[in-house]
């Protein structure tokens, strides 16, 4: 029963964040402060709908001393966040298993 709860927790923890939330979190961890934002219009001047703005392509940098990280760097940070969550869950799982022994 406890293992089943840990597995449910794992699924919830790893899948509860959307891609947009992972992107926002990764960017926020790369530098201090509110250094980035999201474009509101595309190159043709058309408004980008709010549900489509939070993508790597629409990241704008507010701080001139910071360069926009590459998409590969952002993706690596997202993977790092996911691995940290997984390690935390696996530690919890191991603690639960050890408490049964």
C-alpha atoms as a PDB file:
ATOM      1  CA  UNK A   1       0.000   0.000   0.000  1.00  0.00           C
ATOM      2  CA  UNK A   2       2.740   2.484   0.906  1.00  0.00           C
ATOM      3  CA  UNK A   3       4.651   1.727  -2.304  1.00  0.00           C
ATOM      4  CA  UNK A   4       1.500   2.389  -4.301  1.00  0.00           C
ATOM      5  CA  UNK A   5       1.159   5.773  -2.592  1.00  0.00           C
ATOM      6  CA  UNK A   6       4.785   6.590  -3.388  1.00  0.00           C
ATOM      7  CA  UNK A   7       4.237   5.707  -7.034  1.00  0.00           C
ATOM      8  CA  UNK A   8       1.119   7.882  -7.163  1.00  0.00           C
ATOM      9  CA  UNK A   9       3.107  10.674  -5.540  1.00  0.00           C
ATOM     10  CA  UNK A  10       5.849  10.209  -8.149  1.00  0.00           C
ATOM     11  CA  UNK A  11       3.387  10.525 -11.010  1.00  0.00           C
ATOM     12  CA  UNK A  12       1.792  13.578  -9.403  1.00  0.00           C
ATOM     13  CA  UNK A  13       5.114  15.281  -8.680  1.00  0.00           C
ATOM     14  CA  UNK A  14       6.634  14.700 -12.096  1.00  0.00           C
ATOM     15  CA  UNK A  15       3.551  15.522 -14.129  1.00  0.00           C
ATOM     16  CA  UNK A  16       1.792  18.230 -12.186  1.00  0.00           C
ATOM     17  CA  UNK A  17       3.912  21.023 -13.701  1.00  0.00           C
ATOM     18  CA  UNK A  18       3.142  22.043 -17.251  1.00  0.00           C
ATOM     19  CA  UNK A  19       5.857  22.649 -19.828  1.00  0.00           C
ATOM     20  CA  UNK A  20       5.255  26.374 -19.425  1.00  0.00           C
ATOM     21  CA  UNK A  21       5.745  26.099 -15.667  1.00  0.00           C
ATOM     22  CA  UNK A  22       8.979  24.148 -16.130  1.00  0.00           C
ATOM     23  CA  UNK A  23      10.194  26.791 -18.593  1.00  0.00           C
ATOM     24  CA  UNK A  24       9.356  29.625 -16.219  1.00  0.00           C
ATOM     25  CA  UNK A  25      11.022  27.831 -13.284  1.00  0.00           C
ATOM     26  CA  UNK A  26      14.154  27.018 -15.279  1.00  0.00           C
ATOM     27  CA  UNK A  27      14.546  30.590 -16.454  1.00  0.00           C
ATOM     28  CA  UNK A  28      13.969  31.988 -12.972  1.00  0.00           C
ATOM     29  CA  UNK A  29      16.746  29.781 -11.598  1.00  0.00           C
ATOM     30  CA  UNK A  30      19.285  30.833 -14.221  1.00  0.00           C
ATOM     31  CA  UNK A  31      19.716  34.420 -12.940  1.00  0.00           C
ATOM     32  CA  UNK A  32      18.563  36.509  -9.989  1.00  0.00           C
ATOM     33  CA  UNK A  33      15.622  38.881 -10.173  1.00  0.00           C
ATOM     34  CA  UNK A  34      13.001  39.333 -12.839  1.00  0.00           C
ATOM     35  CA  UNK A  35      15.469  39.365 -15.726  1.00  0.00           C
ATOM     36  CA  UNK A  36      13.143  37.938 -18.367  1.00  0.00           C
ATOM     37  CA  UNK A  37       9.637  38.347 -19.670  1.00  0.00           C
ATOM     38  CA  UNK A  38       7.433  37.268 -22.575  1.00  0.00           C
ATOM     39  CA  UNK A  39       6.831  38.982 -25.904  1.00  0.00           C
ATOM     40  CA  UNK A  40       3.310  40.275 -26.352  1.00  0.00           C
ATOM     41  CA  UNK A  41       3.456  40.737 -30.131  1.00  0.00           C
ATOM     42  CA  UNK A  42       5.136  38.736 -32.874  1.00  0.00           C
ATOM     43  CA  UNK A  43       7.462  40.121 -35.549  1.00  0.00           C
ATOM     44  CA  UNK A  44       4.465  41.130 -37.681  1.00  0.00           C
ATOM     45  CA  UNK A  45       2.963  43.137 -34.808  1.00  0.00           C
ATOM     46  CA  UNK A  46       0.173  40.661 -34.146  1.00  0.00           C
ATOM     47  CA  UNK A  47      -0.785  40.047 -30.513  1.00  0.00           C
ATOM     48  CA  UNK A  48       0.397  36.686 -29.200  1.00  0.00           C
ATOM     49  CA  UNK A  49      -2.448  35.044 -27.227  1.00  0.00           C
ATOM     50  CA  UNK A  50      -1.605  34.667 -23.535  1.00  0.00           C
ATOM     51  CA  UNK A  51      -1.846  30.874 -23.692  1.00  0.00           C
ATOM     52  CA  UNK A  52       0.844  30.863 -26.417  1.00  0.00           C
ATOM     53  CA  UNK A  53       3.274  33.484 -25.081  1.00  0.00           C
ATOM     54  CA  UNK A  54       5.266  31.376 -22.623  1.00  0.00           C
ATOM     55  CA  UNK A  55       7.587  29.625 -25.059  1.00  0.00           C
ATOM     56  CA  UNK A  56      11.349  29.800 -25.500  1.00  0.00           C
ATOM     57  CA  UNK A  57      10.904  31.714 -28.756  1.00  0.00           C
ATOM     58  CA  UNK A  58       9.006  34.472 -26.924  1.00  0.00           C
ATOM     59  CA  UNK A  59      11.474  35.014 -24.076  1.00  0.00           C
ATOM     60  CA  UNK A  60      12.731  38.577 -23.846  1.00  0.00           C
ATOM     61  CA  UNK A  61      15.585  39.717 -21.610  1.00  0.00           C
ATOM     62  CA  UNK A  62      15.005  42.857 -19.505  1.00  0.00           C
ATOM     63  CA  UNK A  63      18.553  43.109 -18.143  1.00  0.00           C
ATOM     64  CA  UNK A  64      21.108  44.223 -20.727  1.00  0.00           C
ATOM     65  CA  UNK A  65      23.944  42.579 -18.785  1.00  0.00           C
ATOM     66  CA  UNK A  66      22.339  39.147 -19.333  1.00  0.00           C
ATOM     67  CA  UNK A  67      22.211  37.287 -22.622  1.00  0.00           C
ATOM     68  CA  UNK A  68      19.352  34.970 -23.451  1.00  0.00           C
ATOM     69  CA  UNK A  69      20.376  31.390 -22.638  1.00  0.00           C
ATOM     70  CA  UNK A  70      20.339  28.946 -25.507  1.00  0.00           C
ATOM     71  CA  UNK A  71      17.411  26.607 -25.858  1.00  0.00           C
ATOM     72  CA  UNK A  72      19.774  23.724 -25.043  1.00  0.00           C
ATOM     73  CA  UNK A  73      20.808  25.437 -21.783  1.00  0.00           C
ATOM     74  CA  UNK A  74      17.173  25.963 -20.820  1.00  0.00           C
ATOM     75  CA  UNK A  75      16.287  22.364 -21.655  1.00  0.00           C
ATOM     76  CA  UNK A  76      19.228  21.147 -19.578  1.00  0.00           C
ATOM     77  CA  UNK A  77      17.983  23.227 -16.616  1.00  0.00           C
ATOM     78  CA  UNK A  78      14.494  21.763 -17.035  1.00  0.00           C
ATOM     79  CA  UNK A  79      15.965  18.239 -16.966  1.00  0.00           C
ATOM     80  CA  UNK A  80      17.950  19.177 -13.851  1.00  0.00           C
ATOM     81  CA  UNK A  81      14.739  20.316 -12.121  1.00  0.00           C
ATOM     82  CA  UNK A  82      12.970  17.089 -13.085  1.00  0.00           C
ATOM     83  CA  UNK A  83      15.888  14.986 -11.825  1.00  0.00           C
ATOM     84  CA  UNK A  84      15.919  16.849  -8.503  1.00  0.00           C
ATOM     85  CA  UNK A  85      12.231  16.070  -8.084  1.00  0.00           C
ATOM     86  CA  UNK A  86      12.812  12.433  -8.979  1.00  0.00           C
ATOM     87  CA  UNK A  87      15.703  12.107  -6.515  1.00  0.00           C
ATOM     88  CA  UNK A  88      13.571  13.643  -3.780  1.00  0.00           C
ATOM     89  CA  UNK A  89      10.778  11.179  -4.466  1.00  0.00           C
ATOM     90  CA  UNK A  90      13.147   8.222  -4.610  1.00  0.00           C
ATOM     91  CA  UNK A  91      14.618   9.252  -1.253  1.00  0.00           C
ATOM     92  CA  UNK A  92      11.108   9.372   0.212  1.00  0.00           C
ATOM     93  CA  UNK A  93      10.381   5.969  -1.285  1.00  0.00           C
ATOM     94  CA  UNK A  94      13.576   4.489   0.155  1.00  0.00           C
ATOM     95  CA  UNK A  95      12.785   5.929   3.582  1.00  0.00           C
ATOM     96  CA  UNK A  96       9.338   4.360   3.466  1.00  0.00           C
ATOM     97  CA  UNK A  97      10.766   0.996   2.429  1.00  0.00           C
ATOM     98  CA  UNK A  98      13.399   1.153   5.169  1.00  0.00           C
ATOM     99  CA  UNK A  99      10.767   1.924   7.770  1.00  0.00           C
ATOM    100  CA  UNK A 100       8.974  -1.306   6.821  1.00  0.00           C
ATOM    101  CA  UNK A 101      12.091  -3.394   7.525  1.00  0.00           C
END
